[in-house]
Amino acid sequence: MSASSDTPVPLDGPRLAGPKDAAACVAFFQRYLNPEEVFSPEFLCPLGVRAAVQRREVIIFLAVNELAAALRFYRRKRSECISIYQFAVHPTWRGRLLSRLLIDAAPPGTRLSSCSPRSSLNDYYRNTGWRLRRCTPTEHEWILTGATDGGVNRTVGCFSPCRGHL
């Protein structure tokens, strides 16, 4: 996959993964997720990724007919919150805001995501507008409000951000 900045590349944009994409999503996450960066080992389970595709909770971004980025999310049942379980971007496409495009393409609602306090994802969240909601010795929970969906900016509160970490 080539992404030279001076050559136009056909981009398909974000879309929900379908059943035919399940195997590619499993392989993509296995290849580009660092197990040390994943908050829960459960998120690495191939059956969980396949089930998320079936539930229509995986968004992919194609470039040159290949996966450039993927995001797995979960719609919370008791609130209008969207949990971001995992996302990965092919190394060629990093630094082009694809992860934010995928996060914005998820259904409306406040986004929540957790990672280890030692994870480099903390820097990503801090630098891209997320706020630290809660921190414990084993978990940092980040919150993003006002994410867009279909061009409509919508803020939905499902939690009060924790005091002292904003």
Foldseek 3Di string as FASTA:
>chain_A
DADPPVDDWDKPAKDFAALVCLVVVLVQCVVFPDPQWALDVVLNDSVVSNVQSVVSQKMFIDINNHTQKMWGWDQDDPFREIETRDMGGDPNCPPVCNVLSRVLQDDDEKYKYKTAPPHPVVVVCVVPAWWFQDDDNGMTMIIHAQRHHPPDGHGGDDDDRHPPGD
